[in-house]
Amino acid sequence: MTGKRQPIQVLLVCSLLFPLAAIARAQGAHPTPEVGVGAQYDTTHVYVAPEDVDKFVASFLATFGGQSTKQVVATVTPTPSSTTSQLLQTPVGTVSLFGFKTPIPYPFGAERTGYLVSDLDEAINLARDSGADVIVSAFPDPIGRDAVIQWPGGLNMQLYWHTAKPSYAPFETVPENRVYLSPERADAFARSFLRFSHGKVVSDNAHAAGIEIGRAKDTYRRVHIESVFGKMAVFVTDGHLPYPYGREMTGYEVKDLHGTLAKAKASGAAVLVEPYTADGRVEAMVQFPGGYIAEIHATAPK
């Protein structure tokens, strides 16, 4: 079949802002346990080859500032494996960095984030009751316990709990978990995550500018959610995404985008998408040594 491609908004029908907002209010009337701790305890999981670990660390910290915890070699899965492990803490987001020396056991490597919870068993039960699938049941790690869950739409997250309670300073700017979902599963995901996180829908735009997903002539649906776990942007698309859209996991907010990009390039990162303006901010896409792709943005000048 030939002919002009229809804009994405025809495929996505309409925004469901009011139903999602109503769901969040209804859940507030029937409270579930609050298991989140704070956005500064939530990390993006980054896996790179062992030979790229030091290059990634140097580039990421040179770009955003901050520091790394001491690198250790550990088993962080419930079955035998070995990886370097360290935490990169910056003012705009935290990375849990893994450089596996062995093959990576399934399904590890597919989880996007690690969320600290106050009680792992309670969090697992709440996730399950909220519609998530527990794909890796609770297991011990060197400093606590973990589990991996999967939300409607196939989004994997790791939940973790520390034996010794951590204490981290809040971020200067809270990073954005960037999630790409189909029209068929986006609302099921949002309902489940809102129940689990006690979150709220900040905006639900059925006609967001397509330039945000590399399709300047189209529009698409974008949902912003905020919770104790931080910010989340849900991109509802037909999956016709030019590279690198959909490959980035996290968006980092900085004060000076052009200055940050200059630091990134000087430290070995590559700018994949040059800065553009949309939704009141200037955005770009960067790939760090080892392959990790990130969105970086700043408030657009008025």
Protein backbone atom coordinates (compact mmCIF):
# COMPACT_ATOMS: atom_id res chain seq x y z
CA MET A 1 0.00 0.00 0.00
CA THR A 2 1.39 3.39 -0.97
CA GLY A 3 0.52 6.93 -0.09
CA LYS A 4 1.41 9.67 2.33
CA ARG A 5 2.27 8.52 5.86
CA GLN A 6 -0.33 9.58 8.40
CA PRO A 7 0.78 11.73 11.34
CA ILE A 8 1.31 9.87 14.57
CA GLN A 9 -1.62 11.59 16.26
CA VAL A 10 -4.02 9.74 13.95
CA LEU A 11 -2.54 6.45 15.17
CA LEU A 12 -2.68 7.43 18.82
CA VAL A 13 -6.28 8.69 18.73
CA CYS A 14 -6.37 11.12 21.67
CA SER A 15 -4.86 12.08 24.99
CA LEU A 16 -6.16 10.36 28.12
CA LEU A 17 -5.07 13.05 30.57
CA PHE A 18 -8.33 13.15 32.49
CA PRO A 19 -8.69 9.37 32.95
CA LEU A 20 -5.09 9.07 34.18
CA ALA A 21 -5.47 12.03 36.51
CA ALA A 22 -8.73 10.60 37.84
CA ILE A 23 -7.04 7.26 38.46
CA ALA A 24 -4.30 8.96 40.46
CA ARG A 25 -6.92 10.77 42.60
CA ALA A 26 -8.86 7.57 43.18
CA GLN A 27 -5.72 5.77 44.27
CA GLY A 28 -5.03 8.58 46.72
CA ALA A 29 -8.41 7.89 48.30
CA HIS A 30 -7.41 4.24 48.82
CA PRO A 31 -3.76 4.55 49.84
CA THR A 32 -1.17 1.87 49.20
CA PRO A 33 2.16 1.66 51.06
CA GLU A 34 4.76 4.32 50.26
CA VAL A 35 7.89 2.36 49.41
CA GLY A 36 9.97 5.01 47.62
CA VAL A 37 12.85 6.75 49.37
CA GLY A 38 13.94 9.61 47.09
CA ALA A 39 15.05 10.39 43.56
CA GLN A 40 18.70 10.74 44.64
CA TYR A 41 18.73 7.02 45.47
CA ASP A 42 17.52 5.92 42.05
CA THR A 43 20.08 5.05 39.40
CA THR A 44 20.36 4.37 35.70
CA HIS A 45 21.90 0.95 35.09
CA VAL A 46 24.71 1.18 32.55
CA TYR A 47 26.51 -1.88 31.20
CA VAL A 48 29.75 -1.42 29.25
CA ALA A 49 32.58 -3.74 28.26
CA PRO A 50 35.26 -4.01 30.97
CA GLU A 51 37.81 -2.27 28.76
CA ASP A 52 35.47 0.74 28.42
CA VAL A 53 34.69 1.21 32.12
CA ASP A 54 37.44 3.70 32.93
CA LYS A 55 36.87 5.67 29.72
CA PHE A 56 33.15 5.92 30.45
CA VAL A 57 33.77 7.02 34.04
CA ALA A 58 36.20 9.74 32.99
CA SER A 59 33.90 11.08 30.26
CA PHE A 60 30.67 10.98 32.30
CA LEU A 61 32.20 12.74 35.31
CA ALA A 62 34.02 15.29 33.14
CA THR A 63 30.67 16.11 31.53
CA PHE A 64 28.48 16.38 34.63
CA GLY A 65 30.86 16.65 37.60
CA GLY A 66 30.63 14.51 40.71
CA GLN A 67 32.57 11.47 41.80
CA SER A 68 32.71 7.69 41.70
CA THR A 69 32.59 5.25 44.56
CA LYS A 70 35.46 2.77 44.80
CA GLN A 71 35.29 0.17 42.06
CA VAL A 72 34.75 -3.36 43.34
CA VAL A 73 34.49 -6.75 41.67
CA ALA A 74 31.39 -8.60 42.81
CA THR A 75 28.54 -10.95 42.00
CA VAL A 76 25.40 -8.82 41.65
CA THR A 77 23.12 -11.50 40.18
CA PRO A 78 21.44 -14.51 41.85
CA THR A 79 23.43 -16.92 39.66
CA PRO A 80 27.23 -17.03 39.24
CA SER A 81 28.76 -14.02 37.47
CA SER A 82 31.46 -11.42 37.97
CA THR A 83 31.45 -7.72 37.24
CA THR A 84 33.14 -4.51 38.18
CA SER A 85 30.64 -2.30 40.00
CA GLN A 86 30.67 1.35 41.01
CA LEU A 87 28.32 4.26 41.53
CA LEU A 88 28.81 7.50 39.61
CA GLN A 89 27.19 10.30 41.61
CA THR A 90 26.70 13.63 39.85
CA PRO A 91 24.55 16.68 40.65
CA VAL A 92 22.16 15.75 37.83
CA GLY A 93 21.84 11.97 38.14
CA THR A 94 23.43 8.74 39.33
CA VAL A 95 24.68 5.76 37.33
CA SER A 96 25.17 2.21 38.55
CA LEU A 97 27.99 1.07 36.28
CA PHE A 98 28.72 -2.56 35.47
CA GLY A 99 31.58 -4.03 33.45
CA PHE A 100 30.85 -7.75 33.33
CA LYS A 101 33.87 -10.04 33.16
CA THR A 102 31.59 -13.04 32.53
CA PRO A 103 28.55 -13.50 30.29
CA ILE A 104 25.61 -11.54 31.75
CA PRO A 105 22.89 -13.83 33.16
CA TYR A 106 19.36 -13.27 31.80
CA PRO A 107 17.48 -10.92 32.23
CA PHE A 108 20.16 -8.60 33.61
CA GLY A 109 21.30 -5.89 31.28
CA ALA A 110 17.73 -5.21 30.14
CA GLU A 111 16.66 -3.36 33.31
CA ARG A 112 16.81 0.39 32.84
CA THR A 113 16.86 1.64 36.42
CA GLY A 114 17.44 0.67 40.03
CA TYR A 115 14.99 2.10 42.57
CA LEU A 116 15.80 2.09 46.29
CA VAL A 117 12.82 1.02 48.40
CA SER A 118 12.27 1.11 52.13
CA ASP A 119 11.09 -2.50 52.34
CA LEU A 120 11.85 -4.86 49.45
CA ASP A 121 9.19 -7.47 50.23
CA GLU A 122 6.53 -4.81 50.61
CA ALA A 123 7.66 -3.16 47.37
CA ILE A 124 7.52 -6.46 45.48
CA ASN A 125 4.01 -7.13 46.74
CA LEU A 126 2.91 -3.62 45.82
CA ALA A 127 4.45 -3.91 42.36
CA ARG A 128 2.68 -7.22 41.79
CA ASP A 129 -0.62 -5.82 43.06
CA SER A 130 -0.14 -2.82 40.76
CA GLY A 131 0.14 -5.00 37.66
CA ALA A 132 3.88 -5.67 37.38
CA ASP A 133 5.40 -9.09 36.84
CA VAL A 134 8.22 -10.17 39.16
CA ILE A 135 10.71 -11.65 36.68
CA VAL A 136 13.57 -12.09 39.18
CA SER A 137 12.45 -12.83 42.72
CA ALA A 138 14.27 -11.34 45.68
CA PHE A 139 17.94 -12.31 46.05
CA PRO A 140 20.86 -11.13 48.21
CA ASP A 141 23.69 -9.00 46.90
CA PRO A 142 26.88 -7.89 48.73
CA ILE A 143 25.17 -4.88 50.34
CA GLY A 144 21.46 -5.75 50.47
CA ARG A 145 18.71 -7.41 48.47
CA ASP A 146 17.32 -6.96 44.95
CA ALA A 147 14.52 -8.03 42.60
CA VAL A 148 13.64 -7.26 38.99
CA ILE A 149 10.11 -6.39 37.91
CA GLN A 150 8.51 -5.85 34.52
CA TRP A 151 5.72 -3.35 33.94
CA PRO A 152 2.99 -3.59 31.30
CA GLY A 153 4.63 -2.78 27.98
CA GLY A 154 7.81 -4.69 28.80
CA LEU A 155 9.68 -2.09 30.89
CA ASN A 156 12.14 -3.72 33.32
CA MET A 157 13.24 -2.11 36.59
CA GLN A 158 15.36 -3.33 39.47
CA LEU A 159 14.22 -2.72 43.04
CA TYR A 160 16.84 -2.76 45.76
CA TRP A 161 17.24 -2.41 49.50
CA HIS A 162 20.47 -1.72 51.42
CA THR A 163 21.42 -3.36 54.70
CA ALA A 164 23.04 -0.09 55.79
CA LYS A 165 20.73 2.82 55.07
CA PRO A 166 22.41 5.19 52.58
CA SER A 167 22.35 8.99 52.89
CA TYR A 168 22.82 10.98 49.66
CA ALA A 169 22.34 14.68 49.00
CA PRO A 170 19.39 15.60 46.76
CA PHE A 171 20.13 16.26 43.10
CA GLU A 172 20.52 19.81 41.83
CA THR A 173 18.18 18.79 39.02
CA VAL A 174 16.20 15.54 38.98
CA PRO A 175 16.91 13.31 35.97
CA GLU A 176 14.17 12.07 33.67
CA ASN A 177 13.53 8.37 33.10
CA ARG A 178 12.64 8.21 29.37
CA VAL A 179 10.25 5.38 28.51
CA TYR A 180 9.02 4.42 25.02
CA LEU A 181 5.76 2.48 24.82
CA SER A 182 3.12 1.47 22.30
CA PRO A 183 -0.37 3.06 22.22
CA GLU A 184 -1.82 -0.30 23.28
CA ARG A 185 0.16 -0.53 26.52
CA ALA A 186 0.93 3.04 27.53
CA ASP A 187 -2.15 3.57 29.70
CA ALA A 188 -1.84 0.17 31.37
CA PHE A 189 1.75 1.05 32.25
CA ALA A 190 0.79 4.50 33.54
CA ARG A 191 -2.02 3.12 35.73
CA SER A 192 0.30 0.49 37.22
CA PHE A 193 3.21 2.84 37.82
CA LEU A 194 1.01 5.56 39.32
CA ARG A 195 -0.41 3.08 41.81
CA PHE A 196 3.04 1.78 42.74
CA SER A 197 4.79 5.15 42.96
CA HIS A 198 1.98 7.35 44.37
CA GLY A 199 2.85 9.53 41.41
CA LYS A 200 0.95 12.21 39.55
CA VAL A 201 0.43 13.04 35.88
CA VAL A 202 2.04 16.43 35.32
CA SER A 203 1.04 16.65 31.65
CA ASP A 204 -0.45 14.48 28.94
CA ASN A 205 0.02 15.97 25.49
CA ALA A 206 -1.52 14.14 22.53
CA HIS A 207 0.13 16.52 20.06
CA ALA A 208 3.71 16.87 21.26
CA ALA A 209 6.22 18.04 18.68
CA GLY A 210 7.56 15.11 16.67
CA ILE A 211 11.04 16.63 16.57
CA GLU A 212 11.41 15.21 20.10
CA ILE A 213 11.46 11.70 18.59
CA GLY A 214 13.26 12.59 15.36
CA ARG A 215 10.11 13.10 13.25
CA ALA A 216 9.77 16.84 12.78
CA LYS A 217 6.71 16.62 10.49
CA ASP A 218 4.62 14.57 12.92
CA THR A 219 3.17 14.82 16.40
CA TYR A 220 2.96 12.15 19.07
CA ARG A 221 1.71 11.62 22.63
CA ARG A 222 3.98 12.46 25.59
CA VAL A 223 3.06 11.92 29.26
CA HIS A 224 5.08 13.44 32.12
CA ILE A 225 4.85 11.70 35.50
CA GLU A 226 6.46 12.74 38.79
CA SER A 227 6.76 10.74 42.00
CA VAL A 228 9.09 10.11 44.92
CA PHE A 229 11.16 8.11 42.42
CA GLY A 230 11.73 11.23 40.31
CA LYS A 231 10.64 12.30 36.85
CA MET A 232 9.45 10.13 34.00
CA ALA A 233 8.64 10.95 30.38
CA VAL A 234 6.49 8.38 28.58
CA PHE A 235 6.81 8.54 24.79
CA VAL A 236 3.85 6.85 23.12
CA THR A 237 4.76 6.04 19.52
CA ASP A 238 4.22 3.63 16.65
CA GLY A 239 7.84 2.52 16.95
CA HIS A 240 8.97 4.20 13.73
CA LEU A 241 11.92 5.83 15.44
CA PRO A 242 15.10 7.04 13.74
CA TYR A 243 18.34 6.30 15.57
CA PRO A 244 19.13 7.07 18.38
CA TYR A 245 15.61 7.79 19.69
CA GLY A 246 14.42 5.03 22.01
CA ARG A 247 18.01 4.04 22.82
CA GLU A 248 18.46 6.73 25.47
CA MET A 249 17.35 5.77 28.97
CA THR A 250 17.77 8.99 30.92
CA GLY A 251 17.50 12.72 30.32
CA TYR A 252 19.81 15.01 32.33
CA GLU A 253 18.92 18.64 33.03
CA VAL A 254 21.84 21.08 33.05
CA LYS A 255 22.12 24.86 33.34
CA ASP A 256 24.30 25.35 30.26
CA LEU A 257 23.64 22.85 27.48
CA HIS A 258 26.28 24.11 25.05
CA GLY A 259 28.93 24.21 27.78
CA THR A 260 28.00 20.67 28.85
CA LEU A 261 28.20 19.41 25.29
CA ALA A 262 31.63 20.99 24.92
CA LYS A 263 32.79 19.10 28.03
CA ALA A 264 31.26 15.88 26.70
CA LYS A 265 33.03 16.15 23.34
CA ALA A 266 36.34 17.08 24.95
CA SER A 267 36.15 13.96 27.12
CA GLY A 268 35.48 11.50 24.30
CA ALA A 269 31.68 11.56 23.93
CA ALA A 270 29.94 12.09 20.60
CA VAL A 271 26.96 14.36 19.96
CA LEU A 272 24.46 12.22 18.01
CA VAL A 273 21.68 14.83 17.79
CA GLU A 274 22.62 18.49 17.72
CA PRO A 275 20.64 20.86 19.98
CA TYR A 276 17.04 21.67 19.06
CA THR A 277 14.25 23.49 20.91
CA ALA A 278 10.95 21.89 21.94
CA ASP A 279 8.62 21.89 24.95
CA GLY A 280 10.33 24.90 26.48
CA ARG A 281 13.77 23.39 26.53
CA VAL A 282 16.87 22.89 24.38
CA GLU A 283 17.79 19.23 23.94
CA ALA A 284 20.57 17.10 22.46
CA MET A 285 21.60 13.42 22.37
CA VAL A 286 25.07 12.24 23.39
CA GLN A 287 26.84 8.87 23.27
CA PHE A 288 29.53 8.25 25.88
CA PRO A 289 32.50 5.89 25.50
CA GLY A 290 31.22 2.35 25.85
CA GLY A 291 27.97 3.10 24.03
CA TYR A 292 25.69 4.65 26.68
CA ILE A 293 23.32 7.16 25.07
CA ALA A 294 21.78 10.02 27.06
CA GLU A 295 19.52 12.98 26.40
CA ILE A 296 20.77 16.26 27.86
CA HIS A 297 18.60 19.37 28.11
CA ALA A 298 18.38 22.85 29.55
CA THR A 299 15.59 25.38 29.87
CA ALA A 300 15.22 27.29 26.62
CA PRO A 301 16.04 31.01 26.84
CA LYS A 302 13.00 33.27 26.67
